[in-house]
């Protein structure tokens, strides 16, 4: 995807969030693995949920983001 290509250190950036959350014992709801799995299925599949290549549309939010947020809040981990 073009936006990711413009940010070659994106994974390092995400890792910083993970490190800070762990250090401060904060709940981090990390969606990256879900979006990566969809992207791995191909650009066409990814663009169904993220039409501009960067921001999820309402369908992406309701099918990918919301269920995982609810799951993690219930778990509290």
PDB file of N, CA and C in Angstrom:
ATOM      1  N   UNK A   1       0.840  -1.175   0.000  1.00  0.00           N
ATOM      2  CA  UNK A   1       0.000   0.000   0.000  1.00  0.00           C
ATOM      3  C   UNK A   1       0.890   1.245   0.000  1.00  0.00           C
ATOM      4  N   UNK A   2       0.472   2.226  -0.713  1.00  0.00           N
ATOM      5  CA  UNK A   2       1.265   3.446  -0.817  1.00  0.00           C
ATOM      6  C   UNK A   2       1.511   4.123   0.531  1.00  0.00           C
ATOM      7  N   UNK A   3       0.475   4.309   1.386  1.00  0.00           N
ATOM      8  CA  UNK A   3       0.745   4.986   2.662  1.00  0.00           C
ATOM      9  C   UNK A   3       1.800   4.268   3.509  1.00  0.00           C
ATOM     10  N   UNK A   4       1.777   2.955   3.532  1.00  0.00           N
ATOM     11  CA  UNK A   4       2.783   2.206   4.294  1.00  0.00           C
ATOM     12  C   UNK A   4       4.156   2.355   3.652  1.00  0.00           C
ATOM     13  N   UNK A   5       4.193   2.408   2.333  1.00  0.00           N
ATOM     14  CA  UNK A   5       5.476   2.574   1.643  1.00  0.00           C
ATOM     15  C   UNK A   5       6.098   3.923   1.977  1.00  0.00           C
ATOM     16  N   UNK A   6       5.256   4.907   2.256  1.00  0.00           N
ATOM     17  CA  UNK A   6       5.750   6.231   2.635  1.00  0.00           C
ATOM     18  C   UNK A   6       6.279   6.258   4.061  1.00  0.00           C
ATOM     19  N   UNK A   7       6.006   5.193   4.819  1.00  0.00           N
ATOM     20  CA  UNK A   7       6.425   5.141   6.223  1.00  0.00           C
ATOM     21  C   UNK A   7       7.189   3.836   6.474  1.00  0.00           C
ATOM     22  N   UNK A   8       8.436   3.751   6.021  1.00  0.00           N
ATOM     23  CA  UNK A   8       9.188   2.499   6.120  1.00  0.00           C
ATOM     24  C   UNK A   8       9.472   2.054   7.555  1.00  0.00           C
ATOM     25  N   UNK A   9       9.398   2.945   8.514  1.00  0.00           N
ATOM     26  CA  UNK A   9       9.660   2.591   9.921  1.00  0.00           C
ATOM     27  C   UNK A   9       8.367   2.388  10.709  1.00  0.00           C
ATOM     28  N   UNK A  10       7.280   2.106  10.019  1.00  0.00           N
ATOM     29  CA  UNK A  10       5.981   1.982  10.665  1.00  0.00           C
ATOM     30  C   UNK A  10       5.975   0.903  11.749  1.00  0.00           C
ATOM     31  N   UNK A  11       6.575  -0.240  11.484  1.00  0.00           N
ATOM     32  CA  UNK A  11       6.582  -1.306  12.496  1.00  0.00           C
ATOM     33  C   UNK A  11       7.335  -0.883  13.751  1.00  0.00           C
ATOM     34  N   UNK A  12       8.418  -0.155  13.599  1.00  0.00           N
ATOM     35  CA  UNK A  12       9.157   0.352  14.760  1.00  0.00           C
ATOM     36  C   UNK A  12       8.296   1.333  15.545  1.00  0.00           C
ATOM     37  N   UNK A  13       7.578   2.149  14.835  1.00  0.00           N
ATOM     38  CA  UNK A  13       6.671   3.113  15.464  1.00  0.00           C
ATOM     39  C   UNK A  13       5.622   2.385  16.290  1.00  0.00           C
ATOM     40  N   UNK A  14       5.008   1.349  15.712  1.00  0.00           N
ATOM     41  CA  UNK A  14       4.016   0.556  16.445  1.00  0.00           C
ATOM     42  C   UNK A  14       4.644  -0.124  17.657  1.00  0.00           C
ATOM     43  N   UNK A  15       5.858  -0.603  17.506  1.00  0.00           N
ATOM     44  CA  UNK A  15       6.538  -1.252  18.628  1.00  0.00           C
ATOM     45  C   UNK A  15       6.751  -0.301  19.798  1.00  0.00           C
ATOM     46  N   UNK A  16       6.967   0.968  19.509  1.00  0.00           N
ATOM     47  CA  UNK A  16       7.111   1.951  20.593  1.00  0.00           C
ATOM     48  C   UNK A  16       5.842   2.008  21.436  1.00  0.00           C
ATOM     49  N   UNK A  17       4.699   1.995  20.804  1.00  0.00           N
ATOM     50  CA  UNK A  17       3.439   1.970  21.540  1.00  0.00           C
ATOM     51  C   UNK A  17       3.354   0.728  22.419  1.00  0.00           C
ATOM     52  N   UNK A  18       3.733  -0.411  21.866  1.00  0.00           N
ATOM     53  CA  UNK A  18       3.689  -1.662  22.636  1.00  0.00           C
ATOM     54  C   UNK A  18       4.617  -1.593  23.845  1.00  0.00           C
ATOM     55  N   UNK A  19       5.809  -1.058  23.645  1.00  0.00           N
ATOM     56  CA  UNK A  19       6.782  -0.948  24.741  1.00  0.00           C
ATOM     57  C   UNK A  19       6.285  -0.019  25.843  1.00  0.00           C
ATOM     58  N   UNK A  20       5.752   1.120  25.467  1.00  0.00           N
ATOM     59  CA  UNK A  20       5.248   2.076  26.457  1.00  0.00           C
ATOM     60  C   UNK A  20       4.079   1.479  27.226  1.00  0.00           C
ATOM     61  N   UNK A  21       3.164   0.848  26.522  1.00  0.00           N
ATOM     62  CA  UNK A  21       2.009   0.235  27.186  1.00  0.00           C
ATOM     63  C   UNK A  21       2.460  -0.838  28.178  1.00  0.00           C
ATOM     64  N   UNK A  22       3.406  -1.648  27.770  1.00  0.00           N
ATOM     65  CA  UNK A  22       3.907  -2.704  28.656  1.00  0.00           C
ATOM     66  C   UNK A  22       4.591  -2.096  29.882  1.00  0.00           C
ATOM     67  N   UNK A  23       5.445  -1.120  29.652  1.00  0.00           N
ATOM     68  CA  UNK A  23       6.185  -0.494  30.750  1.00  0.00           C
ATOM     69  C   UNK A  23       5.239   0.166  31.755  1.00  0.00           C
ATOM     70  N   UNK A  24       4.194   0.805  31.246  1.00  0.00           N
ATOM     71  CA  UNK A  24       3.259   1.525  32.114  1.00  0.00           C
ATOM     72  C   UNK A  24       2.072   0.675  32.549  1.00  0.00           C
ATOM     73  N   UNK A  25       2.094  -0.607  32.126  1.00  0.00           N
ATOM     74  CA  UNK A  25       1.017  -1.553  32.463  1.00  0.00           C
ATOM     75  C   UNK A  25      -0.344  -1.036  32.003  1.00  0.00           C
ATOM     76  N   UNK A  26      -0.366  -0.586  30.749  1.00  0.00           N
ATOM     77  CA  UNK A  26      -1.582  -0.066  30.139  1.00  0.00           C
ATOM     78  C   UNK A  26      -2.161  -1.088  29.172  1.00  0.00           C
ATOM     79  N   UNK A  27      -3.451  -1.080  29.058  1.00  0.00           N
ATOM     80  CA  UNK A  27      -4.112  -1.916  28.063  1.00  0.00           C
ATOM     81  C   UNK A  27      -3.898  -1.283  26.692  1.00  0.00           C
ATOM     82  N   UNK A  28      -3.298  -2.022  25.794  1.00  0.00           N
ATOM     83  CA  UNK A  28      -3.124  -1.576  24.414  1.00  0.00           C
ATOM     84  C   UNK A  28      -3.951  -2.498  23.528  1.00  0.00           C
ATOM     85  N   UNK A  29      -4.868  -1.944  22.810  1.00  0.00           N
ATOM     86  CA  UNK A  29      -5.684  -2.735  21.888  1.00  0.00           C
ATOM     87  C   UNK A  29      -5.024  -2.611  20.519  1.00  0.00           C
ATOM     88  N   UNK A  30      -4.258  -3.614  20.184  1.00  0.00           N
ATOM     89  CA  UNK A  30      -3.391  -3.598  19.007  1.00  0.00           C
ATOM     90  C   UNK A  30      -4.089  -4.271  17.828  1.00  0.00           C
ATOM     91  N   UNK A  31      -4.518  -3.470  16.894  1.00  0.00           N
ATOM     92  CA  UNK A  31      -5.238  -3.983  15.728  1.00  0.00           C
ATOM     93  C   UNK A  31      -4.316  -4.391  14.585  1.00  0.00           C
ATOM     94  N   UNK A  32      -3.055  -4.073  14.687  1.00  0.00           N
ATOM     95  CA  UNK A  32      -2.142  -4.329  13.570  1.00  0.00           C
ATOM     96  C   UNK A  32      -2.198  -5.772  13.057  1.00  0.00           C
ATOM     97  N   UNK A  33      -2.173  -6.783  13.932  1.00  0.00           N
ATOM     98  CA  UNK A  33      -2.206  -8.156  13.396  1.00  0.00           C
ATOM     99  C   UNK A  33      -3.452  -8.450  12.549  1.00  0.00           C
ATOM    100  N   UNK A  34      -4.587  -7.857  12.919  1.00  0.00           N
ATOM    101  CA  UNK A  34      -5.810  -8.087  12.139  1.00  0.00           C
ATOM    102  C   UNK A  34      -5.724  -7.433  10.762  1.00  0.00           C
ATOM    103  N   UNK A  35      -5.259  -6.187  10.738  1.00  0.00           N
ATOM    104  CA  UNK A  35      -5.139  -5.498   9.452  1.00  0.00           C
ATOM    105  C   UNK A  35      -4.072  -6.145   8.580  1.00  0.00           C
ATOM    106  N   UNK A  36      -2.997  -6.597   9.189  1.00  0.00           N
ATOM    107  CA  UNK A  36      -1.923  -7.270   8.434  1.00  0.00           C
ATOM    108  C   UNK A  36      -2.448  -8.559   7.803  1.00  0.00           C
ATOM    109  N   UNK A  37      -3.254  -9.315   8.558  1.00  0.00           N
ATOM    110  CA  UNK A  37      -3.822 -10.566   8.024  1.00  0.00           C
ATOM    111  C   UNK A  37      -4.716 -10.296   6.820  1.00  0.00           C
ATOM    112  N   UNK A  38      -5.475  -9.225   6.887  1.00  0.00           N
ATOM    113  CA  UNK A  38      -6.339  -8.862   5.751  1.00  0.00           C
ATOM    114  C   UNK A  38      -5.487  -8.400   4.577  1.00  0.00           C
ATOM    115  N   UNK A  39      -4.489  -7.581   4.832  1.00  0.00           N
ATOM    116  CA  UNK A  39      -3.603  -7.111   3.771  1.00  0.00           C
ATOM    117  C   UNK A  39      -2.874  -8.282   3.104  1.00  0.00           C
ATOM    118  N   UNK A  40      -2.515  -9.281   3.886  1.00  0.00           N
ATOM    119  CA  UNK A  40      -1.837 -10.455   3.338  1.00  0.00           C
ATOM    120  C   UNK A  40      -2.716 -11.230   2.362  1.00  0.00           C
ATOM    121  N   UNK A  41      -4.028 -11.031   2.435  1.00  0.00           N
ATOM    122  CA  UNK A  41      -4.953 -11.676   1.493  1.00  0.00           C
ATOM    123  C   UNK A  41      -4.972 -10.960   0.148  1.00  0.00           C
ATOM    124  N   UNK A  42      -4.378  -9.777   0.126  1.00  0.00           N
ATOM    125  CA  UNK A  42      -4.296  -9.025  -1.122  1.00  0.00           C
ATOM    126  C   UNK A  42      -4.846  -7.623  -0.984  1.00  0.00           C
ATOM    127  N   UNK A  43      -4.348  -6.765  -1.835  1.00  0.00           N
ATOM    128  CA  UNK A  43      -4.720  -5.357  -1.807  1.00  0.00           C
ATOM    129  C   UNK A  43      -6.225  -5.166  -1.989  1.00  0.00           C
ATOM    130  N   UNK A  44      -6.818  -5.931  -2.880  1.00  0.00           N
ATOM    131  CA  UNK A  44      -8.258  -5.801  -3.147  1.00  0.00           C
ATOM    132  C   UNK A  44      -9.077  -6.089  -1.891  1.00  0.00           C
ATOM    133  N   UNK A  45      -8.713  -7.128  -1.169  1.00  0.00           N
ATOM    134  CA  UNK A  45      -9.420  -7.478   0.075  1.00  0.00           C
ATOM    135  C   UNK A  45      -9.254  -6.372   1.113  1.00  0.00           C
ATOM    136  N   UNK A  46      -8.051  -5.867   1.256  1.00  0.00           N
ATOM    137  CA  UNK A  46      -7.758  -4.812   2.224  1.00  0.00           C
ATOM    138  C   UNK A  46      -8.560  -3.544   1.914  1.00  0.00           C
ATOM    139  N   UNK A  47      -8.631  -3.193   0.659  1.00  0.00           N
ATOM    140  CA  UNK A  47      -9.320  -1.966   0.266  1.00  0.00           C
ATOM    141  C   UNK A  47     -10.834  -2.041   0.451  1.00  0.00           C
ATOM    142  N   UNK A  48     -11.371  -3.245   0.656  1.00  0.00           N
ATOM    143  CA  UNK A  48     -12.791  -3.373   0.986  1.00  0.00           C
ATOM    144  C   UNK A  48     -13.090  -2.700   2.322  1.00  0.00           C
ATOM    145  N   UNK A  49     -12.139  -2.740   3.224  1.00  0.00           N
ATOM    146  CA  UNK A  49     -12.308  -2.208   4.579  1.00  0.00           C
ATOM    147  C   UNK A  49     -11.597  -0.869   4.776  1.00  0.00           C
ATOM    148  N   UNK A  50     -10.582  -0.617   3.964  1.00  0.00           N
ATOM    149  CA  UNK A  50      -9.745   0.582   4.108  1.00  0.00           C
ATOM    150  C   UNK A  50      -9.603   1.214   2.718  1.00  0.00           C
ATOM    151  N   UNK A  51     -10.676   1.848   2.226  1.00  0.00           N
ATOM    152  CA  UNK A  51     -10.690   2.305   0.838  1.00  0.00           C
ATOM    153  C   UNK A  51      -9.594   3.290   0.452  1.00  0.00           C
ATOM    154  N   UNK A  52      -9.149   4.109   1.389  1.00  0.00           N
ATOM    155  CA  UNK A  52      -8.086   5.057   1.052  1.00  0.00           C
ATOM    156  C   UNK A  52      -6.701   4.498   1.363  1.00  0.00           C
ATOM    157  N   UNK A  53      -6.647   3.243   1.809  1.00  0.00           N
ATOM    158  CA  UNK A  53      -5.376   2.597   2.114  1.00  0.00           C
ATOM    159  C   UNK A  53      -4.835   2.908   3.496  1.00  0.00           C
ATOM    160  N   UNK A  54      -5.528   3.776   4.253  1.00  0.00           N
ATOM    161  CA  UNK A  54      -5.027   4.188   5.557  1.00  0.00           C
ATOM    162  C   UNK A  54      -6.097   4.200   6.647  1.00  0.00           C
ATOM    163  N   UNK A  55      -7.305   4.635   6.295  1.00  0.00           N
ATOM    164  CA  UNK A  55      -8.366   4.809   7.284  1.00  0.00           C
ATOM    165  C   UNK A  55      -9.506   3.818   7.034  1.00  0.00           C
ATOM    166  N   UNK A  56      -9.852   3.011   8.026  1.00  0.00           N
ATOM    167  CA  UNK A  56     -10.982   2.087   7.861  1.00  0.00           C
ATOM    168  C   UNK A  56     -12.290   2.849   7.638  1.00  0.00           C
ATOM    169  N   UNK A  57     -13.142   2.284   6.793  1.00  0.00           N
ATOM    170  CA  UNK A  57     -14.466   2.858   6.596  1.00  0.00           C
ATOM    171  C   UNK A  57     -15.402   2.301   7.680  1.00  0.00           C
ATOM    172  N   UNK A  58     -16.672   2.702   7.707  1.00  0.00           N
ATOM    173  CA  UNK A  58     -17.582   2.199   8.747  1.00  0.00           C
ATOM    174  C   UNK A  58     -17.675   0.668   8.790  1.00  0.00           C
ATOM    175  N   UNK A  59     -17.646   0.023   7.633  1.00  0.00           N
ATOM    176  CA  UNK A  59     -17.697  -1.440   7.617  1.00  0.00           C
ATOM    177  C   UNK A  59     -16.445  -2.024   8.272  1.00  0.00           C
ATOM    178  N   UNK A  60     -15.288  -1.480   7.940  1.00  0.00           N
ATOM    179  CA  UNK A  60     -14.048  -1.950   8.554  1.00  0.00           C
ATOM    180  C   UNK A  60     -14.059  -1.741  10.054  1.00  0.00           C
ATOM    181  N   UNK A  61     -14.576  -0.600  10.469  1.00  0.00           N
ATOM    182  CA  UNK A  61     -14.650  -0.308  11.901  1.00  0.00           C
ATOM    183  C   UNK A  61     -15.585  -1.274  12.610  1.00  0.00           C
ATOM    184  N   UNK A  62     -16.731  -1.540  12.011  1.00  0.00           N
ATOM    185  CA  UNK A  62     -17.706  -2.402  12.685  1.00  0.00           C
ATOM    186  C   UNK A  62     -17.335  -3.879  12.630  1.00  0.00           C
ATOM    187  N   UNK A  63     -16.663  -4.308  11.570  1.00  0.00           N
ATOM    188  CA  UNK A  63     -16.318  -5.731  11.445  1.00  0.00           C
ATOM    189  C   UNK A  63     -14.951  -6.088  12.027  1.00  0.00           C
ATOM    190  N   UNK A  64     -14.020  -5.160  12.005  1.00  0.00           N
ATOM    191  CA  UNK A  64     -12.652  -5.458  12.428  1.00  0.00           C
ATOM    192  C   UNK A  64     -12.321  -4.809  13.773  1.00  0.00           C
ATOM    193  N   UNK A  65     -12.576  -3.522  13.891  1.00  0.00           N
ATOM    194  CA  UNK A  65     -12.149  -2.786  15.085  1.00  0.00           C
ATOM    195  C   UNK A  65     -13.064  -3.045  16.279  1.00  0.00           C
ATOM    196  N   UNK A  66     -14.351  -2.780  16.136  1.00  0.00           N
ATOM    197  CA  UNK A  66     -15.276  -2.822  17.272  1.00  0.00           C
ATOM    198  C   UNK A  66     -15.307  -4.168  18.003  1.00  0.00           C
ATOM    199  N   UNK A  67     -15.419  -5.298  17.305  1.00  0.00           N
ATOM    200  CA  UNK A  67     -15.477  -6.566  18.043  1.00  0.00           C
ATOM    201  C   UNK A  67     -14.236  -6.825  18.896  1.00  0.00           C
ATOM    202  N   UNK A  68     -13.075  -6.452  18.385  1.00  0.00           N
ATOM    203  CA  UNK A  68     -11.833  -6.681  19.130  1.00  0.00           C
ATOM    204  C   UNK A  68     -11.718  -5.734  20.319  1.00  0.00           C
ATOM    205  N   UNK A  69     -12.180  -4.504  20.160  1.00  0.00           N
ATOM    206  CA  UNK A  69     -12.170  -3.564  21.283  1.00  0.00           C
ATOM    207  C   UNK A  69     -13.058  -4.103  22.400  1.00  0.00           C
ATOM    208  N   UNK A  70     -14.252  -4.533  22.059  1.00  0.00           N
ATOM    209  CA  UNK A  70     -15.159  -5.080  23.070  1.00  0.00           C
ATOM    210  C   UNK A  70     -14.537  -6.301  23.738  1.00  0.00           C
ATOM    211  N   UNK A  71     -13.964  -7.198  22.951  1.00  0.00           N
ATOM    212  CA  UNK A  71     -13.321  -8.398  23.499  1.00  0.00           C
ATOM    213  C   UNK A  71     -12.221  -8.026  24.496  1.00  0.00           C
ATOM    214  N   UNK A  72     -11.354  -7.112  24.117  1.00  0.00           N
ATOM    215  CA  UNK A  72     -10.226  -6.738  24.984  1.00  0.00           C
ATOM    216  C   UNK A  72     -10.708  -5.997  26.238  1.00  0.00           C
ATOM    217  N   UNK A  73     -11.736  -5.176  26.125  1.00  0.00           N
ATOM    218  CA  UNK A  73     -12.265  -4.483  27.298  1.00  0.00           C
ATOM    219  C   UNK A  73     -12.888  -5.469  28.286  1.00  0.00           C
ATOM    220  N   UNK A  74     -13.564  -6.475  27.767  1.00  0.00           N
ATOM    221  CA  UNK A  74     -14.146  -7.498  28.643  1.00  0.00           C
ATOM    222  C   UNK A  74     -13.047  -8.289  29.331  1.00  0.00           C
ATOM    223  N   UNK A  75     -12.015  -8.666  28.569  1.00  0.00           N
ATOM    224  CA  UNK A  75     -10.868  -9.394  29.143  1.00  0.00           C
ATOM    225  C   UNK A  75     -10.106  -8.531  30.152  1.00  0.00           C
ATOM    226  N   UNK A  76      -9.950  -7.272  29.795  1.00  0.00           N
ATOM    227  CA  UNK A  76      -9.173  -6.359  30.622  1.00  0.00           C
ATOM    228  C   UNK A  76      -7.684  -6.627  30.576  1.00  0.00           C
ATOM    229  N   UNK A  77      -7.234  -7.319  29.531  1.00  0.00           N
ATOM    230  CA  UNK A  77      -5.806  -7.651  29.386  1.00  0.00           C
ATOM    231  C   UNK A  77      -5.310  -7.162  28.045  1.00  0.00           C
TER     232      UNK A  77
END
